[in-house]
Amino acid sequence: MRQLIFAFCIGVLPFAANAVEPDEMLTDPVLEQRAREISKDLRCVVCQNQDIDSSNAGVARDLRLLVRERLVTGDSDAEVIAYIRARYGDYVLLKPPLEPATYALWFAPIAFVLIGVFVGGGVLMSRRKQEAFEDLGAEDENTVSEILRQNEAGDAS
């Protein structure tokens, strides 16, 4: 039982850990909570689809500090996000807005999957057609003829 609990803890703890260092945290708990919420909506620009709140990258730390700095100066959540979006572009948002400038972010993955399905389907279909139209060898034709004769003889009796 202890091994099961240990394995569960080892599997779950990395997901519960945040990369926010104690020296980054704000003394005001309300501002810190706002900073955490904003950080969960911002993508680390060097990580693979990871928010800045859970990334250990140096750029993510810089972004977390920038978010906190803007909050301390009195910016609203929307103003902080707009400021970071203006500096880093829509890619920094984990949920970018659906507008012409971000169509590639939204539709490129779907397009790549569809292209893969069509290419893969085309390859599989061409292989099937090649196998279906192969001629029978002389031995195979004799075997088929014999089976047909046996079936005709069985039907006549």
C-alpha atoms as a PDB file:
ATOM      1  CA  MET A   1       0.000   0.000   0.000  1.00  0.00           C
ATOM      2  CA  ARG A   2       2.864   2.377   0.816  1.00  0.00           C
ATOM      3  CA  GLN A   3       4.379   1.788  -2.604  1.00  0.00           C
ATOM      4  CA  LEU A   4       1.095   2.706  -4.254  1.00  0.00           C
ATOM      5  CA  ILE A   5       0.858   5.941  -2.254  1.00  0.00           C
ATOM      6  CA  PHE A   6       4.482   6.751  -3.048  1.00  0.00           C
ATOM      7  CA  ALA A   7       3.949   6.121  -6.760  1.00  0.00           C
ATOM      8  CA  PHE A   8       0.838   8.329  -6.713  1.00  0.00           C
ATOM      9  CA  CYS A   9       2.728  11.166  -5.022  1.00  0.00           C
ATOM     10  CA  ILE A  10       5.621  10.910  -7.458  1.00  0.00           C
ATOM     11  CA  GLY A  11       3.169  11.025 -10.362  1.00  0.00           C
ATOM     12  CA  VAL A  12       1.056  13.918  -9.060  1.00  0.00           C
ATOM     13  CA  LEU A  13       3.584  16.238  -7.399  1.00  0.00           C
ATOM     14  CA  PRO A  14       5.182  17.553 -10.605  1.00  0.00           C
ATOM     15  CA  PHE A  15       1.775  18.769 -11.750  1.00  0.00           C
ATOM     16  CA  ALA A  16       1.099  20.517  -8.455  1.00  0.00           C
ATOM     17  CA  ALA A  17       4.438  22.315  -8.376  1.00  0.00           C
ATOM     18  CA  ASN A  18       4.700  25.882  -9.587  1.00  0.00           C
ATOM     19  CA  ALA A  19       7.848  27.499 -10.848  1.00  0.00           C
ATOM     20  CA  VAL A  20       7.183  30.755  -9.008  1.00  0.00           C
ATOM     21  CA  GLU A  21      10.115  31.469  -6.723  1.00  0.00           C
ATOM     22  CA  PRO A  22       9.572  32.979  -3.258  1.00  0.00           C
ATOM     23  CA  ASP A  23      11.467  36.130  -4.224  1.00  0.00           C
ATOM     24  CA  GLU A  24       8.970  36.728  -7.051  1.00  0.00           C
ATOM     25  CA  MET A  25       5.869  36.649  -4.851  1.00  0.00           C
ATOM     26  CA  LEU A  26       4.071  39.813  -3.909  1.00  0.00           C
ATOM     27  CA  THR A  27       3.379  40.601  -0.259  1.00  0.00           C
ATOM     28  CA  ASP A  28      -0.237  41.526  -1.035  1.00  0.00           C
ATOM     29  CA  PRO A  29      -2.128  38.188  -1.330  1.00  0.00           C
ATOM     30  CA  VAL A  30      -4.844  39.721  -3.547  1.00  0.00           C
ATOM     31  CA  LEU A  31      -2.291  41.021  -6.061  1.00  0.00           C
ATOM     32  CA  GLU A  32      -0.390  37.732  -5.907  1.00  0.00           C
ATOM     33  CA  GLN A  33      -3.574  35.794  -6.684  1.00  0.00           C
ATOM     34  CA  ARG A  34      -4.290  38.109  -9.639  1.00  0.00           C
ATOM     35  CA  ALA A  35      -0.709  37.607 -10.862  1.00  0.00           C
ATOM     36  CA  ARG A  36      -1.140  33.821 -10.657  1.00  0.00           C
ATOM     37  CA  GLU A  37      -4.390  33.938 -12.627  1.00  0.00           C
ATOM     38  CA  ILE A  38      -2.853  36.134 -15.328  1.00  0.00           C
ATOM     39  CA  SER A  39       0.257  33.920 -15.468  1.00  0.00           C
ATOM     40  CA  LYS A  40      -1.867  30.850 -16.144  1.00  0.00           C
ATOM     41  CA  ASP A  41      -3.195  32.512 -19.310  1.00  0.00           C
ATOM     42  CA  LEU A  42       0.229  33.438 -20.693  1.00  0.00           C
ATOM     43  CA  ARG A  43       2.398  31.016 -22.663  1.00  0.00           C
ATOM     44  CA  CYS A  44       6.115  30.639 -22.043  1.00  0.00           C
ATOM     45  CA  VAL A  45       7.647  31.647 -25.366  1.00  0.00           C
ATOM     46  CA  VAL A  46      10.432  29.045 -25.154  1.00  0.00           C
ATOM     47  CA  CYS A  47       8.492  26.117 -23.671  1.00  0.00           C
ATOM     48  CA  GLN A  48       6.184  23.662 -25.363  1.00  0.00           C
ATOM     49  CA  ASN A  49       2.677  24.989 -24.640  1.00  0.00           C
ATOM     50  CA  GLN A  50       3.347  25.643 -20.948  1.00  0.00           C
ATOM     51  CA  ASP A  51       2.062  28.599 -18.979  1.00  0.00           C
ATOM     52  CA  ILE A  52       4.569  30.963 -17.382  1.00  0.00           C
ATOM     53  CA  ASP A  53       3.307  30.099 -13.907  1.00  0.00           C
ATOM     54  CA  SER A  54       4.622  26.543 -14.165  1.00  0.00           C
ATOM     55  CA  SER A  55       7.686  27.106 -16.368  1.00  0.00           C
ATOM     56  CA  ASN A  56      11.238  27.232 -15.019  1.00  0.00           C
ATOM     57  CA  ALA A  57      12.599  29.036 -18.084  1.00  0.00           C
ATOM     58  CA  GLY A  58      14.337  32.364 -17.583  1.00  0.00           C
ATOM     59  CA  VAL A  59      11.997  34.108 -20.010  1.00  0.00           C
ATOM     60  CA  ALA A  60       9.004  32.818 -18.044  1.00  0.00           C
ATOM     61  CA  ARG A  61      10.501  34.233 -14.848  1.00  0.00           C
ATOM     62  CA  ASP A  62      10.987  37.593 -16.577  1.00  0.00           C
ATOM     63  CA  LEU A  63       7.365  37.551 -17.714  1.00  0.00           C
ATOM     64  CA  ARG A  64       6.128  36.671 -14.210  1.00  0.00           C
ATOM     65  CA  LEU A  65       8.117  39.576 -12.790  1.00  0.00           C
ATOM     66  CA  LEU A  66       6.749  41.884 -15.495  1.00  0.00           C
ATOM     67  CA  VAL A  67       3.170  40.839 -14.679  1.00  0.00           C
ATOM     68  CA  ARG A  68       3.744  41.571 -10.992  1.00  0.00           C
ATOM     69  CA  GLU A  69       5.437  44.874 -11.775  1.00  0.00           C
ATOM     70  CA  ARG A  70       2.478  46.008 -13.879  1.00  0.00           C
ATOM     71  CA  LEU A  71      -0.002  44.959 -11.179  1.00  0.00           C
ATOM     72  CA  VAL A  72       1.898  46.903  -8.513  1.00  0.00           C
ATOM     73  CA  THR A  73       1.760  50.035 -10.707  1.00  0.00           C
ATOM     74  CA  GLY A  74      -2.039  49.728 -10.717  1.00  0.00           C
ATOM     75  CA  ASP A  75      -2.802  48.108 -14.095  1.00  0.00           C
ATOM     76  CA  SER A  76      -5.952  46.021 -14.413  1.00  0.00           C
ATOM     77  CA  ASP A  77      -5.724  42.384 -15.503  1.00  0.00           C
ATOM     78  CA  ALA A  78      -6.776  43.322 -19.035  1.00  0.00           C
ATOM     79  CA  GLU A  79      -4.170  46.097 -19.188  1.00  0.00           C
ATOM     80  CA  VAL A  80      -1.416  43.720 -18.076  1.00  0.00           C
ATOM     81  CA  ILE A  81      -2.372  41.171 -20.731  1.00  0.00           C
ATOM     82  CA  ALA A  82      -2.647  43.906 -23.385  1.00  0.00           C
ATOM     83  CA  TYR A  83       0.816  45.216 -22.439  1.00  0.00           C
ATOM     84  CA  ILE A  84       2.439  41.784 -22.704  1.00  0.00           C
ATOM     85  CA  ARG A  85       0.507  40.992 -25.898  1.00  0.00           C
ATOM     86  CA  ALA A  86       1.769  44.250 -27.448  1.00  0.00           C
ATOM     87  CA  ARG A  87       5.371  43.286 -26.635  1.00  0.00           C
ATOM     88  CA  TYR A  88       5.283  39.560 -27.511  1.00  0.00           C
ATOM     89  CA  GLY A  89       2.359  39.173 -29.927  1.00  0.00           C
ATOM     90  CA  ASP A  90      -0.632  36.851 -29.854  1.00  0.00           C
ATOM     91  CA  TYR A  91       1.578  33.770 -29.505  1.00  0.00           C
ATOM     92  CA  VAL A  92       2.137  34.604 -25.830  1.00  0.00           C
ATOM     93  CA  LEU A  93      -1.582  34.033 -25.120  1.00  0.00           C
ATOM     94  CA  LEU A  94      -2.550  30.442 -24.358  1.00  0.00           C
ATOM     95  CA  LYS A  95      -5.979  31.215 -25.853  1.00  0.00           C
ATOM     96  CA  PRO A  96      -5.341  33.694 -28.679  1.00  0.00           C
ATOM     97  CA  PRO A  97      -8.356  35.592 -30.051  1.00  0.00           C
ATOM     98  CA  LEU A  98      -9.969  34.299 -33.244  1.00  0.00           C
ATOM     99  CA  GLU A  99      -9.198  37.044 -35.746  1.00  0.00           C
ATOM    100  CA  PRO A 100      -7.530  37.149 -39.192  1.00  0.00           C
ATOM    101  CA  ALA A 101      -4.072  37.695 -37.705  1.00  0.00           C
ATOM    102  CA  THR A 102      -4.353  34.496 -35.626  1.00  0.00           C
ATOM    103  CA  TYR A 103      -6.020  32.188 -38.149  1.00  0.00           C
ATOM    104  CA  ALA A 104      -2.712  30.340 -38.577  1.00  0.00           C
ATOM    105  CA  LEU A 105      -2.556  29.626 -34.831  1.00  0.00           C
ATOM    106  CA  TRP A 106      -6.099  28.282 -34.836  1.00  0.00           C
ATOM    107  CA  PHE A 107      -6.354  26.448 -38.140  1.00  0.00           C
ATOM    108  CA  ALA A 108      -2.820  25.246 -38.965  1.00  0.00           C
ATOM    109  CA  PRO A 109      -3.038  22.191 -36.652  1.00  0.00           C
ATOM    110  CA  ILE A 110      -6.347  21.150 -38.212  1.00  0.00           C
ATOM    111  CA  ALA A 111      -4.942  21.675 -41.716  1.00  0.00           C
ATOM    112  CA  PHE A 112      -1.873  19.552 -40.942  1.00  0.00           C
ATOM    113  CA  VAL A 113      -4.019  16.725 -39.574  1.00  0.00           C
ATOM    114  CA  LEU A 114      -6.279  16.803 -42.642  1.00  0.00           C
ATOM    115  CA  ILE A 115      -3.287  16.828 -44.999  1.00  0.00           C
ATOM    116  CA  GLY A 116      -1.838  13.852 -43.110  1.00  0.00           C
ATOM    117  CA  VAL A 117      -5.124  11.945 -43.335  1.00  0.00           C
ATOM    118  CA  PHE A 118      -5.458  12.581 -47.084  1.00  0.00           C
ATOM    119  CA  VAL A 119      -1.831  11.700 -47.841  1.00  0.00           C
ATOM    120  CA  GLY A 120      -1.982   8.594 -45.659  1.00  0.00           C
ATOM    121  CA  GLY A 121      -5.320   7.559 -47.179  1.00  0.00           C
ATOM    122  CA  GLY A 122      -3.957   8.091 -50.686  1.00  0.00           C
ATOM    123  CA  VAL A 123      -0.929   5.910 -49.978  1.00  0.00           C
ATOM    124  CA  LEU A 124      -3.075   3.148 -48.478  1.00  0.00           C
ATOM    125  CA  MET A 125      -5.561   3.259 -51.360  1.00  0.00           C
ATOM    126  CA  SER A 126      -2.816   3.060 -53.989  1.00  0.00           C
ATOM    127  CA  ARG A 127      -1.327   0.024 -52.263  1.00  0.00           C
ATOM    128  CA  ARG A 128      -4.716  -1.679 -52.130  1.00  0.00           C
ATOM    129  CA  LYS A 129      -5.303  -1.081 -55.831  1.00  0.00           C
ATOM    130  CA  GLN A 130      -1.893  -2.536 -56.683  1.00  0.00           C
ATOM    131  CA  GLU A 131      -2.583  -5.679 -54.645  1.00  0.00           C
ATOM    132  CA  ALA A 132      -6.123  -6.137 -55.998  1.00  0.00           C
ATOM    133  CA  PHE A 133      -5.101  -6.168 -59.672  1.00  0.00           C
ATOM    134  CA  GLU A 134      -2.196  -8.584 -59.520  1.00  0.00           C
ATOM    135  CA  ASP A 135      -2.655 -11.488 -61.948  1.00  0.00           C
ATOM    136  CA  LEU A 136      -2.958 -15.014 -60.632  1.00  0.00           C
ATOM    137  CA  GLY A 137      -0.136 -17.360 -61.396  1.00  0.00           C
ATOM    138  CA  ALA A 138      -0.732 -20.603 -63.300  1.00  0.00           C
ATOM    139  CA  GLU A 139      -0.695 -22.642 -60.091  1.00  0.00           C
ATOM    140  CA  ASP A 140      -3.272 -20.353 -58.444  1.00  0.00           C
ATOM    141  CA  GLU A 141      -5.543 -20.539 -61.509  1.00  0.00           C
ATOM    142  CA  ASN A 142      -5.412 -24.366 -61.414  1.00  0.00           C
ATOM    143  CA  THR A 143      -6.299 -24.354 -57.706  1.00  0.00           C
ATOM    144  CA  VAL A 144      -9.288 -22.034 -58.281  1.00  0.00           C
ATOM    145  CA  SER A 145     -10.496 -24.140 -61.238  1.00  0.00           C
ATOM    146  CA  GLU A 146     -10.313 -27.315 -59.155  1.00  0.00           C
ATOM    147  CA  ILE A 147     -12.280 -25.721 -56.295  1.00  0.00           C
ATOM    148  CA  LEU A 148     -14.943 -24.550 -58.740  1.00  0.00           C
ATOM    149  CA  ARG A 149     -15.186 -28.066 -60.278  1.00  0.00           C
ATOM    150  CA  GLN A 150     -15.597 -29.606 -56.824  1.00  0.00           C
ATOM    151  CA  ASN A 151     -18.371 -27.108 -55.978  1.00  0.00           C
ATOM    152  CA  GLU A 152     -20.186 -27.847 -59.282  1.00  0.00           C
ATOM    153  CA  ALA A 153     -19.892 -31.584 -58.653  1.00  0.00           C
ATOM    154  CA  GLY A 154     -21.275 -31.130 -55.124  1.00  0.00           C
ATOM    155  CA  ASP A 155     -24.218 -29.060 -56.422  1.00  0.00           C
ATOM    156  CA  ALA A 156     -25.128 -31.654 -59.086  1.00  0.00           C
ATOM    157  CA  SER A 157     -25.492 -34.529 -56.597  1.00  0.00           C
END
